[in-house]
Amino acid sequence: MKKIQYPSLYQINTRVWLTELSEALSRPATLDDVPDAELDRLAEMGFDWVWFLSVWRTGQASQMVSRANPQWRQEFQKTLPDLREEDIAGSGFAIAGYTVHPGLGGDQALALLRQRLAKRDLRLMLDFVPNHTGLDHPWVEKHPEYYLGGTEADLAREPQNYIQVKRTAGDLILAHGRDPYFPGWPDTLQLDYSNPTTQEAMIGELQEIAARCDGVRCDMAMLVLPEVFERTWGRRSEPFWPKATQQVREGHPDFLFMAEVYWDLEWTLQQQGFDYAYDKRLYDRLVEGIARPIRDHFRAGLDYQNKLARFLENHDEPRAAATFSAEVHKAAALITYLSPGLRFFHQGQFEGRRKRISPHLVRAPLEPTEEALHQFYQGLLAVLRQPQVRDGQWCLLEGVPAWEGNGTVDCFLAFAWQGAEGEPLLVAINYAPHQSQCRVRLPFPDLAGRIVRLKDLTGPAEYDRAGDELASGGLYLDLPPWGYHVFALSRTLKTALRDDGPETGSDSQAV
């Protein structure tokens, strides 16, 4: 498979999808029942990676916690007003073992699915949860030393962070998995990264996973960094990720690591072997709705930006259609996905789904498709299939005031894409709730002495402009609130516009 500089990933909630297939088939569906036509569709849409969320084995003890937790049940009930007990399978991140859940068809079904994906040049991504296991993991009996233990005093003082675990070899008090800012997750047990044998065992798990897929999304990857682990538990540990990524790649050189990471630790994890790290900072700034911090975010070096995973929603975040108005949603999507890095999309995003599905649930509510949004995403995906956006060069463009004293230039974000194949692209967005104007100087050579045609790939607009003017003063933009253009630029051999020649195309977003 050819390596793409700026690939696209599609996240699928596996258990929810199989529940829907089960209803259509009138029998329990497994990974073998994933239709070839759906895999064809994902390949045709331009995806390079498919992340199948929650395929690993989970256990009854963790499931019982999910069903009994009143706060969680309240959330589940909001998602599914007709909630049933069987809808709550337990969190896909309370893993009882890195073998495929029997209800999903087991390891053989996953192996066949991976083969079907590979025939379509699609790579398979799966979950790895480094920080903790489910309550049912075999290590609880066989290797309790892998876990972080506690005392009766710990349990009495912090009942939210410790649990007394029943074992045939004798009960133990163990810690729940957690991060330093929140109470423990009651359906999990914390692994002890201050114990070198725990780290060796987890590297062994990763090596087993690497034989079954092409990459992993590592849940809360920053929690096992030595400084974070010590801040959480008061214990020193050796670095895990440099050893883990290196040892896995000794046997699987092209294996990919993507980190879920927060707290401005993205660069740290990139330096420790991760191919991509979540860009939550960009997402938060898009939600804030102010252009300048977003533009400043894009001033970082491409050695950093190229290794960010950019998203507008995922299973942890609220749905984009519920977070942004329709106009802001489209503008935010263009900023997110026409910047460098991994383009990360979530099942249901294209259809405008509004209800987030907890990873504890295996059923989703019925929601109508927002057709206008769906059409927008089809157009965006068509742009992302263009070679200059997948393998070309990106740069941030600076705007200048359209006239003296016009401060709305600060509301613009503008990018350029160019490559060996395809026409150069100009992306311009007015990320503001009011009309804005500016001029943008273009980085493209050979504009002077020609007529340049600008064709909007997201709408009907098409304009001819004098290359001399573009080269000297830049392109004048006048866009409505949250307005945008994605222009493909083609040069003609003409040397001047006819005085009586009309401009072509729509003027709905004036340029």
Protein backbone atom coordinates (compact mmCIF):
# COMPACT_ATOMS: atom_id res chain seq x y z
CA MET A 1 0.00 0.00 0.00
CA LYS A 2 1.29 3.44 -0.91
CA LYS A 3 1.93 5.68 2.08
CA ILE A 4 -0.07 8.90 1.87
CA GLN A 5 1.33 12.04 3.48
CA TYR A 6 -2.09 13.30 4.61
CA PRO A 7 -4.39 10.26 4.99
CA SER A 8 -8.03 10.10 6.05
CA LEU A 9 -9.47 7.87 8.79
CA TYR A 10 -13.05 6.80 9.42
CA GLN A 11 -14.07 5.66 12.91
CA ILE A 12 -16.81 3.01 13.17
CA ASN A 13 -18.65 2.09 16.37
CA THR A 14 -18.39 -1.64 15.69
CA ARG A 15 -20.91 -2.94 18.20
CA VAL A 16 -23.53 -0.36 17.26
CA TRP A 17 -23.05 -1.09 13.56
CA LEU A 18 -23.40 -4.84 14.12
CA THR A 19 -26.56 -4.27 16.16
CA GLU A 20 -28.03 -2.43 13.17
CA LEU A 21 -26.93 -5.23 10.84
CA SER A 22 -28.46 -7.79 13.22
CA GLU A 23 -31.82 -6.07 12.99
CA ALA A 24 -31.62 -6.06 9.19
CA LEU A 25 -30.59 -9.73 9.05
CA SER A 26 -32.98 -10.91 11.81
CA ARG A 27 -30.06 -12.73 13.46
CA PRO A 28 -26.93 -11.82 15.41
CA ALA A 29 -24.37 -10.23 13.05
CA THR A 30 -20.59 -10.61 13.29
CA LEU A 31 -17.67 -8.99 11.52
CA ASP A 32 -18.18 -11.54 8.74
CA ASP A 33 -21.48 -9.79 7.97
CA VAL A 34 -19.95 -6.37 7.31
CA PRO A 35 -21.01 -5.89 3.67
CA ASP A 36 -18.38 -5.70 0.97
CA ALA A 37 -20.45 -2.90 -0.54
CA GLU A 38 -19.86 -0.79 2.59
CA LEU A 39 -16.12 -1.38 2.42
CA ASP A 40 -16.21 -0.45 -1.27
CA ARG A 41 -18.03 2.75 -0.36
CA LEU A 42 -15.43 3.73 2.24
CA ALA A 43 -12.63 3.15 -0.26
CA GLU A 44 -14.44 5.16 -2.93
CA MET A 45 -14.93 8.01 -0.48
CA GLY A 46 -11.16 8.26 -0.20
CA PHE A 47 -10.42 6.78 3.19
CA ASP A 48 -7.08 5.17 3.93
CA TRP A 49 -7.80 3.94 7.45
CA VAL A 50 -10.84 2.42 9.15
CA TRP A 51 -10.87 2.36 12.95
CA PHE A 52 -13.16 -0.36 14.29
CA LEU A 53 -13.93 0.77 17.82
CA SER A 54 -14.51 -1.80 20.61
CA VAL A 55 -13.78 -5.20 19.08
CA TRP A 56 -11.92 -6.66 22.08
CA ARG A 57 -13.28 -8.99 24.72
CA THR A 58 -15.04 -7.41 27.69
CA GLY A 59 -16.37 -9.08 30.82
CA GLN A 60 -19.49 -9.46 32.91
CA ALA A 61 -18.12 -7.75 36.02
CA SER A 62 -17.42 -4.50 34.17
CA GLN A 63 -20.76 -4.79 32.38
CA MET A 64 -22.57 -5.06 35.71
CA VAL A 65 -20.91 -1.84 36.86
CA SER A 66 -22.04 -0.09 33.67
CA ARG A 67 -25.61 -1.23 34.20
CA ALA A 68 -25.70 -0.31 37.89
CA ASN A 69 -24.00 3.11 37.78
CA PRO A 70 -26.84 5.65 38.20
CA GLN A 71 -24.97 8.57 36.62
CA TRP A 72 -24.09 6.54 33.55
CA ARG A 73 -27.61 5.16 33.25
CA GLN A 74 -28.99 8.69 33.25
CA GLU A 75 -26.75 9.48 30.25
CA PHE A 76 -27.76 6.26 28.51
CA GLN A 77 -31.44 7.07 29.04
CA LYS A 78 -31.01 10.46 27.39
CA THR A 79 -29.47 8.78 24.37
CA LEU A 80 -32.01 5.94 24.26
CA PRO A 81 -35.36 6.83 25.85
CA ASP A 82 -36.38 3.20 25.22
CA LEU A 83 -33.21 1.90 26.92
CA ARG A 84 -33.03 -1.86 27.47
CA GLU A 85 -30.59 -3.80 29.63
CA GLU A 86 -29.14 -5.56 26.60
CA ASP A 87 -28.23 -2.15 25.14
CA ILE A 88 -25.59 -1.77 27.90
CA ALA A 89 -22.79 -4.18 27.03
CA GLY A 90 -20.17 -2.43 29.15
CA SER A 91 -17.43 -0.07 28.06
CA GLY A 92 -15.31 -1.14 25.14
CA PHE A 93 -12.37 0.32 27.09
CA ALA A 94 -12.82 -2.04 30.06
CA ILE A 95 -10.94 -4.74 28.21
CA ALA A 96 -10.76 -8.29 29.55
CA GLY A 97 -8.34 -9.48 26.88
CA TYR A 98 -6.98 -8.56 23.47
CA THR A 99 -8.88 -11.23 21.59
CA VAL A 100 -11.93 -10.40 19.53
CA HIS A 101 -15.19 -10.68 21.44
CA PRO A 102 -16.91 -13.98 20.54
CA GLY A 103 -20.14 -12.10 19.86
CA LEU A 104 -18.33 -10.23 17.09
CA GLY A 105 -17.08 -13.42 15.46
CA GLY A 106 -13.75 -13.94 17.21
CA ASP A 107 -10.21 -13.53 15.89
CA GLN A 108 -10.92 -15.38 12.63
CA ALA A 109 -13.66 -12.94 11.65
CA LEU A 110 -11.30 -10.02 12.30
CA ALA A 111 -8.56 -11.62 10.20
CA LEU A 112 -10.95 -12.05 7.27
CA LEU A 113 -12.18 -8.48 7.65
CA ARG A 114 -8.61 -7.22 7.56
CA GLN A 115 -8.03 -9.15 4.33
CA ARG A 116 -11.14 -7.63 2.79
CA LEU A 117 -10.01 -4.16 3.81
CA ALA A 118 -6.52 -4.71 2.40
CA LYS A 119 -7.95 -5.67 -1.00
CA ARG A 120 -9.38 -2.15 -1.10
CA ASP A 121 -6.15 -0.47 0.12
CA LEU A 122 -7.81 0.20 3.49
CA ARG A 123 -5.77 -0.19 6.66
CA LEU A 124 -7.26 -1.46 9.92
CA MET A 125 -6.92 0.45 13.20
CA LEU A 126 -7.95 -1.00 16.57
CA ASP A 127 -7.91 0.07 20.22
CA PHE A 128 -5.11 -0.22 22.74
CA VAL A 129 -5.83 0.83 26.34
CA PRO A 130 -2.47 1.22 28.11
CA ASN A 131 -3.58 2.65 31.45
CA HIS A 132 -5.95 -0.01 32.77
CA THR A 133 -7.88 -3.23 32.15
CA GLY A 134 -11.42 -4.31 32.89
CA LEU A 135 -12.34 -5.92 36.20
CA ASP A 136 -12.47 -9.34 34.52
CA HIS A 137 -8.97 -9.49 33.06
CA PRO A 138 -7.16 -12.84 33.71
CA TRP A 139 -4.21 -10.95 35.13
CA VAL A 140 -6.30 -10.22 38.24
CA GLU A 141 -5.91 -13.90 39.18
CA LYS A 142 -2.60 -14.73 37.49
CA HIS A 143 -0.59 -11.52 37.82
CA PRO A 144 -2.00 -9.20 40.48
CA GLU A 145 1.47 -7.66 40.70
CA TYR A 146 0.76 -5.95 37.36
CA TYR A 147 -1.84 -3.78 39.09
CA LEU A 148 -1.55 -0.87 41.47
CA GLY A 149 -2.52 -2.10 44.91
CA GLY A 150 -4.03 -0.25 47.84
CA THR A 151 -4.64 -0.61 51.54
CA GLU A 152 -7.69 -0.69 53.77
CA ALA A 153 -6.90 2.92 54.61
CA ASP A 154 -6.84 3.85 50.89
CA LEU A 155 -10.20 2.18 50.36
CA ALA A 156 -11.72 3.93 53.37
CA ARG A 157 -10.29 7.33 52.41
CA GLU A 158 -10.91 7.12 48.64
CA PRO A 159 -13.67 4.61 47.94
CA GLN A 160 -14.11 6.18 44.50
CA ASN A 161 -10.53 5.20 43.56
CA TYR A 162 -10.14 1.72 45.09
CA ILE A 163 -12.04 -1.57 45.11
CA GLN A 164 -11.80 -4.84 46.99
CA VAL A 165 -11.45 -7.51 44.31
CA LYS A 166 -12.65 -11.08 44.90
CA ARG A 167 -10.03 -13.65 43.86
CA THR A 168 -9.77 -17.41 44.25
CA ALA A 169 -6.22 -16.87 45.53
CA GLY A 170 -7.36 -14.30 48.07
CA ASP A 171 -9.04 -10.90 47.93
CA LEU A 172 -7.02 -7.79 47.16
CA ILE A 173 -7.56 -4.05 47.24
CA LEU A 174 -6.69 -2.58 43.85
CA ALA A 175 -6.92 0.89 42.37
CA HIS A 176 -9.36 1.88 39.65
CA GLY A 177 -7.91 3.30 36.47
CA ARG A 178 -8.06 7.10 36.45
CA ASP A 179 -6.42 10.34 35.42
CA PRO A 180 -5.12 12.85 37.99
CA TYR A 181 -8.12 15.18 37.73
CA PHE A 182 -11.14 12.88 38.09
CA PRO A 183 -12.34 9.97 40.23
CA GLY A 184 -11.51 6.45 39.07
CA TRP A 185 -13.44 4.59 36.40
CA PRO A 186 -15.28 1.98 38.51
CA ASP A 187 -15.32 -0.67 35.76
CA THR A 188 -11.51 -0.71 35.47
CA LEU A 189 -8.31 -1.59 37.33
CA GLN A 190 -5.16 0.56 37.21
CA LEU A 191 -1.98 -0.98 35.81
CA ASP A 192 1.23 -0.26 37.73
CA TYR A 193 3.77 1.28 35.36
CA SER A 194 6.31 1.60 38.15
CA ASN A 195 6.66 -2.19 37.85
CA PRO A 196 8.95 -3.11 34.91
CA THR A 197 7.18 -6.46 34.45
CA THR A 198 3.90 -4.65 33.87
CA GLN A 199 5.52 -2.64 31.10
CA GLU A 200 6.98 -5.80 29.56
CA ALA A 201 3.58 -7.47 29.67
CA MET A 202 1.88 -4.51 27.98
CA ILE A 203 4.52 -4.43 25.25
CA GLY A 204 3.77 -8.10 24.74
CA GLU A 205 0.08 -7.27 24.36
CA LEU A 206 0.94 -4.61 21.79
CA GLN A 207 3.03 -7.06 19.81
CA GLU A 208 0.09 -9.48 19.73
CA ILE A 209 -2.23 -6.70 18.56
CA ALA A 210 0.23 -5.63 15.86
CA ALA A 211 -0.10 -9.05 14.25
CA ARG A 212 -3.85 -8.49 13.83
CA CYS A 213 -4.09 -4.94 12.48
CA ASP A 214 -2.14 -2.10 10.91
CA GLY A 215 -2.26 0.47 13.70
CA VAL A 216 -3.67 1.33 17.12
CA ARG A 217 -5.41 4.28 18.65
CA CYS A 218 -3.98 4.45 22.17
CA ASP A 219 -6.57 5.49 24.74
CA MET A 220 -5.47 8.35 27.06
CA ALA A 221 -1.88 7.70 26.02
CA MET A 222 -0.44 10.46 28.20
CA LEU A 223 -1.53 8.75 31.44
CA VAL A 224 1.45 6.37 31.36
CA LEU A 225 4.03 9.11 30.82
CA PRO A 226 6.34 9.05 33.86
CA GLU A 227 5.53 12.60 34.96
CA VAL A 228 1.76 12.03 34.67
CA PHE A 229 1.87 8.63 36.35
CA GLU A 230 3.85 10.04 39.26
CA ARG A 231 1.50 13.00 39.59
CA THR A 232 -1.47 10.64 39.71
CA TRP A 233 -0.08 7.87 41.94
CA GLY A 234 3.08 9.22 43.59
CA ARG A 235 5.24 6.49 42.04
CA ARG A 236 8.16 6.85 39.68
CA SER A 237 8.16 4.87 36.44
CA GLU A 238 10.42 4.44 33.46
CA PRO A 239 9.33 5.75 30.02
CA PHE A 240 7.07 3.23 28.30
CA TRP A 241 6.27 4.55 24.84
CA PRO A 242 9.80 4.77 23.35
CA LYS A 243 10.39 1.10 24.18
CA ALA A 244 6.92 -0.01 23.13
CA THR A 245 6.87 1.73 19.76
CA GLN A 246 10.42 0.64 18.92
CA GLN A 247 9.91 -3.01 19.86
CA VAL A 248 6.62 -3.29 17.99
CA ARG A 249 8.14 -1.78 14.86
CA GLU A 250 11.03 -4.22 14.94
CA GLY A 251 8.52 -6.85 13.88
CA HIS A 252 6.04 -4.57 12.09
CA PRO A 253 8.01 -1.64 10.57
CA ASP A 254 4.96 0.16 9.16
CA PHE A 255 2.77 -0.18 12.23
CA LEU A 256 1.04 3.10 13.13
CA PHE A 257 0.50 4.62 16.58
CA MET A 258 -2.13 7.31 17.17
CA ALA A 259 -2.37 8.90 20.62
CA GLU A 260 -5.43 10.23 22.33
CA VAL A 261 -3.66 12.97 24.26
CA TYR A 262 -4.52 16.21 26.05
CA TRP A 263 -2.85 18.79 28.33
CA ASP A 264 -0.45 20.06 25.61
CA LEU A 265 1.49 16.80 25.61
CA GLU A 266 1.07 16.16 21.87
CA TRP A 267 4.69 17.02 21.00
CA THR A 268 5.97 14.87 23.86
CA LEU A 269 4.21 11.79 22.52
CA GLN A 270 5.24 12.51 18.95
CA GLN A 271 8.85 12.46 20.15
CA GLN A 272 8.26 9.11 21.87
CA GLY A 273 7.26 7.27 18.72
CA PHE A 274 3.71 8.27 17.86
CA ASP A 275 2.82 8.88 14.24
CA TYR A 276 -0.17 11.05 15.21
CA ALA A 277 -1.51 12.80 18.29
CA TYR A 278 -5.00 14.19 18.80
CA ASP A 279 -5.28 17.91 18.05
CA LYS A 280 -7.81 18.73 20.76
CA ARG A 281 -6.48 22.29 20.97
CA LEU A 282 -7.65 23.07 17.44
CA TYR A 283 -11.06 21.56 18.17
CA ASP A 284 -11.46 23.68 21.30
CA ARG A 285 -10.51 26.85 19.41
CA LEU A 286 -13.00 26.08 16.67
CA VAL A 287 -15.70 25.69 19.32
CA GLU A 288 -14.64 29.05 20.77
CA GLY A 289 -15.31 30.58 17.37
CA ILE A 290 -12.52 33.19 17.13
CA ALA A 291 -10.27 33.16 14.08
CA ARG A 292 -7.05 34.63 15.48
CA PRO A 293 -6.15 31.82 17.95
CA ILE A 294 -6.93 29.29 15.23
CA ARG A 295 -4.62 31.10 12.81
CA ASP A 296 -1.90 31.26 15.46
CA HIS A 297 -2.34 27.52 16.00
CA PHE A 298 -1.42 26.95 12.36
CA ARG A 299 1.87 28.85 12.72
CA ALA A 300 3.47 25.78 14.31
CA GLY A 301 6.11 23.94 12.29
CA LEU A 302 5.01 21.28 9.84
CA ASP A 303 7.19 18.73 11.65
CA TYR A 304 4.57 19.06 14.41
CA GLN A 305 1.41 19.73 12.39
CA ASN A 306 1.94 16.85 9.99
CA LYS A 307 1.69 14.47 12.95
CA LEU A 308 -1.60 15.76 14.35
CA ALA A 309 -4.94 13.98 14.03
CA ARG A 310 -7.54 16.63 13.24
CA PHE A 311 -11.21 15.98 14.03
CA LEU A 312 -14.53 17.71 14.48
CA GLU A 313 -16.07 14.91 16.51
CA ASN A 314 -15.28 11.43 17.82
CA HIS A 315 -16.86 9.06 20.32
CA ASP A 316 -15.62 11.19 23.26
CA GLU A 317 -16.82 14.56 21.97
CA PRO A 318 -20.36 15.87 21.46
CA ARG A 319 -21.66 15.49 17.94
CA ALA A 320 -20.52 18.29 15.63
CA ALA A 321 -24.06 18.87 14.38
CA ALA A 322 -25.16 19.44 17.98
CA THR A 323 -22.15 21.65 18.81
CA PHE A 324 -22.06 23.98 15.82
CA SER A 325 -24.78 25.73 13.84
CA ALA A 326 -25.01 24.53 10.24
CA GLU A 327 -23.01 27.50 8.90
CA VAL A 328 -20.27 27.28 11.53
CA HIS A 329 -20.12 23.50 11.15
CA LYS A 330 -19.19 23.78 7.46
CA ALA A 331 -16.61 26.50 8.04
CA ALA A 332 -15.05 24.55 10.93
CA ALA A 333 -14.93 21.39 8.82
CA LEU A 334 -13.05 23.15 6.02
CA ILE A 335 -10.52 24.50 8.51
CA THR A 336 -10.09 21.12 10.18
CA TYR A 337 -9.80 18.90 7.14
CA LEU A 338 -8.01 21.21 4.71
CA SER A 339 -5.11 21.64 7.11
CA PRO A 340 -2.14 19.24 7.28
CA GLY A 341 -2.21 16.06 9.34
CA LEU A 342 -4.46 13.03 9.58
CA ARG A 343 -8.12 13.76 8.64
CA PHE A 344 -10.21 11.98 11.30
CA PHE A 345 -13.94 11.46 10.68
CA HIS A 346 -16.55 9.77 12.86
CA GLN A 347 -19.44 7.51 11.87
CA GLY A 348 -22.63 9.58 11.71
CA GLN A 349 -20.79 12.87 11.21
CA PHE A 350 -21.64 13.11 7.51
CA GLU A 351 -25.33 12.51 8.20
CA GLY A 352 -25.54 15.17 10.91
CA ARG A 353 -26.26 12.82 13.81
CA ARG A 354 -26.79 14.77 17.03
CA LYS A 355 -26.70 12.19 19.83
CA ARG A 356 -23.35 11.02 21.11
CA ILE A 357 -23.23 7.25 21.66
CA SER A 358 -21.49 6.17 24.87
CA PRO A 359 -18.91 3.39 24.38
CA HIS A 360 -20.92 1.42 26.96
CA LEU A 361 -23.86 1.14 24.54
CA VAL A 362 -24.37 -1.17 21.57
CA ARG A 363 -27.42 0.53 20.08
CA ALA A 364 -27.95 3.99 18.61
CA PRO A 365 -31.16 5.98 18.33
CA LEU A 366 -32.79 6.48 14.96
CA GLU A 367 -31.99 9.95 13.65
CA PRO A 368 -32.81 11.56 10.31
CA THR A 369 -30.08 12.54 7.87
CA GLU A 370 -29.45 16.24 7.41
CA GLU A 371 -29.32 16.22 3.62
CA ALA A 372 -27.67 19.63 3.16
CA LEU A 373 -24.86 18.69 5.53
CA HIS A 374 -24.51 15.30 3.89
CA GLN A 375 -24.11 16.96 0.49
CA PHE A 376 -21.55 19.36 1.92
CA TYR A 377 -19.43 16.48 3.21
CA GLN A 378 -19.64 14.66 -0.12
CA GLY A 379 -18.15 17.78 -1.71
CA LEU A 380 -15.47 18.08 0.96
CA LEU A 381 -14.47 14.44 0.55
CA ALA A 382 -14.16 15.00 -3.20
CA VAL A 383 -11.69 17.82 -2.49
CA LEU A 384 -9.76 15.60 -0.07
CA ARG A 385 -9.35 12.97 -2.78
CA GLN A 386 -7.36 15.41 -4.90
CA PRO A 387 -3.65 14.53 -5.08
CA GLN A 388 -2.38 17.97 -4.09
CA VAL A 389 -4.33 17.72 -0.81
CA ARG A 390 -3.22 14.17 -0.06
CA ASP A 391 0.46 14.49 -0.98
CA GLY A 392 1.12 18.14 -1.74
CA GLN A 393 2.47 21.15 0.11
CA TRP A 394 0.37 23.26 2.46
CA CYS A 395 1.03 26.77 3.69
CA LEU A 396 -0.77 29.32 5.82
CA LEU A 397 -1.49 32.58 4.00
CA GLU A 398 -1.60 36.01 5.56
CA GLY A 399 -4.34 38.50 4.76
CA VAL A 400 -3.95 42.27 4.56
CA PRO A 401 -6.71 44.82 5.17
CA ALA A 402 -8.93 45.37 2.14
CA TRP A 403 -8.71 49.08 2.91
CA GLU A 404 -7.15 51.16 5.64
CA GLY A 405 -8.89 50.69 8.95
CA ASN A 406 -10.77 47.52 7.98
CA GLY A 407 -10.08 45.16 10.88
CA THR A 408 -12.18 42.29 9.56
CA VAL A 409 -9.03 40.88 7.96
CA ASP A 410 -8.48 39.33 11.39
CA CYS A 411 -11.48 37.04 10.81
CA PHE A 412 -9.95 35.19 7.85
CA LEU A 413 -8.13 31.91 7.60
CA ALA A 414 -6.49 31.19 4.26
CA PHE A 415 -4.45 28.18 3.12
CA ALA A 416 -2.77 27.17 -0.11
CA TRP A 417 -2.24 23.67 -1.41
CA GLN A 418 -0.07 22.76 -4.38
CA GLY A 419 1.66 19.67 -5.64
CA ALA A 420 3.12 17.85 -8.60
CA GLU A 421 -0.39 16.79 -9.64
CA GLY A 422 -3.59 18.82 -9.76
CA GLU A 423 -4.28 22.52 -9.84
CA PRO A 424 -3.18 24.66 -6.90
CA LEU A 425 -5.91 25.33 -4.36
CA LEU A 426 -6.77 28.39 -2.31
CA VAL A 427 -8.89 27.87 0.81
CA ALA A 428 -10.41 31.00 2.37
CA ILE A 429 -12.82 31.10 5.33
CA ASN A 430 -14.41 34.04 7.12
CA TYR A 431 -14.63 32.49 10.59
CA ALA A 432 -16.83 35.19 12.10
CA PRO A 433 -20.54 35.99 12.59
CA HIS A 434 -20.36 39.08 10.34
CA GLN A 435 -19.31 39.97 6.80
CA SER A 436 -15.56 40.46 6.37
CA GLN A 437 -13.13 41.66 3.71
CA CYS A 438 -9.43 41.28 3.05
CA ARG A 439 -6.81 40.71 0.38
CA VAL A 440 -4.76 37.53 0.27
CA ARG A 441 -1.44 37.35 -1.56
CA LEU A 442 -1.03 34.08 -3.40
CA PRO A 443 2.15 31.99 -3.26
CA PHE A 444 1.66 30.56 -6.75
CA PRO A 445 4.27 31.43 -9.44
CA ASP A 446 3.65 32.55 -13.01
CA LEU A 447 0.54 34.60 -12.34
CA ALA A 448 1.73 37.77 -14.06
CA GLY A 449 0.76 38.26 -17.67
CA ARG A 450 -2.02 35.69 -17.54
CA ILE A 451 -5.67 35.39 -16.79
CA VAL A 452 -6.37 33.18 -13.79
CA ARG A 453 -9.61 31.29 -13.50
CA LEU A 454 -10.81 30.58 -9.96
CA LYS A 455 -13.34 27.77 -9.74
CA ASP A 456 -14.95 27.05 -6.37
CA LEU A 457 -14.92 23.32 -5.67
CA THR A 458 -17.61 23.68 -3.00
CA GLY A 459 -20.14 25.65 -5.03
CA PRO A 460 -20.98 27.20 -8.42
CA ALA A 461 -18.80 30.31 -8.16
CA GLU A 462 -16.25 30.84 -10.95
CA TYR A 463 -14.22 33.97 -11.67
CA ASP A 464 -11.57 35.21 -14.07
CA ARG A 465 -8.96 37.54 -12.60
CA ALA A 466 -5.96 39.36 -14.03
CA GLY A 467 -2.80 37.62 -12.91
CA ASP A 468 -0.92 40.94 -12.73
CA GLU A 469 -3.39 42.22 -10.13
CA LEU A 470 -3.24 38.96 -8.13
CA ALA A 471 0.55 39.01 -8.18
CA SER A 472 0.80 42.62 -7.02
CA GLY A 473 -2.17 43.26 -4.74
CA GLY A 474 -3.50 39.82 -3.92
CA LEU A 475 -7.00 38.40 -4.26
CA TYR A 476 -9.79 40.55 -2.88
CA LEU A 477 -12.25 38.59 -0.69
CA ASP A 478 -15.61 39.76 0.61
CA LEU A 479 -17.38 36.92 2.42
CA PRO A 480 -20.60 36.68 4.45
CA PRO A 481 -20.67 35.31 8.03
CA TRP A 482 -18.92 31.92 8.13
CA GLY A 483 -18.52 32.11 4.34
CA TYR A 484 -15.84 30.24 2.45
CA HIS A 485 -14.30 29.39 -0.91
CA VAL A 486 -12.12 26.46 -2.00
CA PHE A 487 -10.74 27.72 -5.30
CA ALA A 488 -8.88 25.67 -7.88
CA LEU A 489 -6.68 28.04 -9.89
CA SER A 490 -6.02 27.50 -13.59
CA ARG A 491 -3.95 29.85 -15.74
CA THR A 492 -4.86 30.72 -19.32
CA LEU A 493 -2.60 32.03 -22.07
CA LYS A 494 -4.50 35.32 -22.33
CA THR A 495 -2.68 38.46 -21.35
CA ALA A 496 -5.65 40.62 -20.35
CA LEU A 497 -9.32 40.52 -19.55
CA ARG A 498 -11.64 41.94 -22.18
CA ASP A 499 -13.14 45.20 -20.98
CA ASP A 500 -16.62 44.05 -21.93
CA GLY A 501 -16.22 40.46 -20.75
CA PRO A 502 -18.55 39.44 -17.95
CA GLU A 503 -17.34 37.56 -14.91
CA THR A 504 -18.58 34.00 -14.74
CA GLY A 505 -20.25 32.13 -11.95
CA SER A 506 -22.31 32.89 -8.88
CA ASP A 507 -21.72 35.95 -6.75
CA SER A 508 -23.39 34.55 -3.63
CA GLN A 509 -20.07 34.91 -1.79
CA ALA A 510 -18.64 38.00 -3.43
CA VAL A 511 -15.01 38.09 -4.48
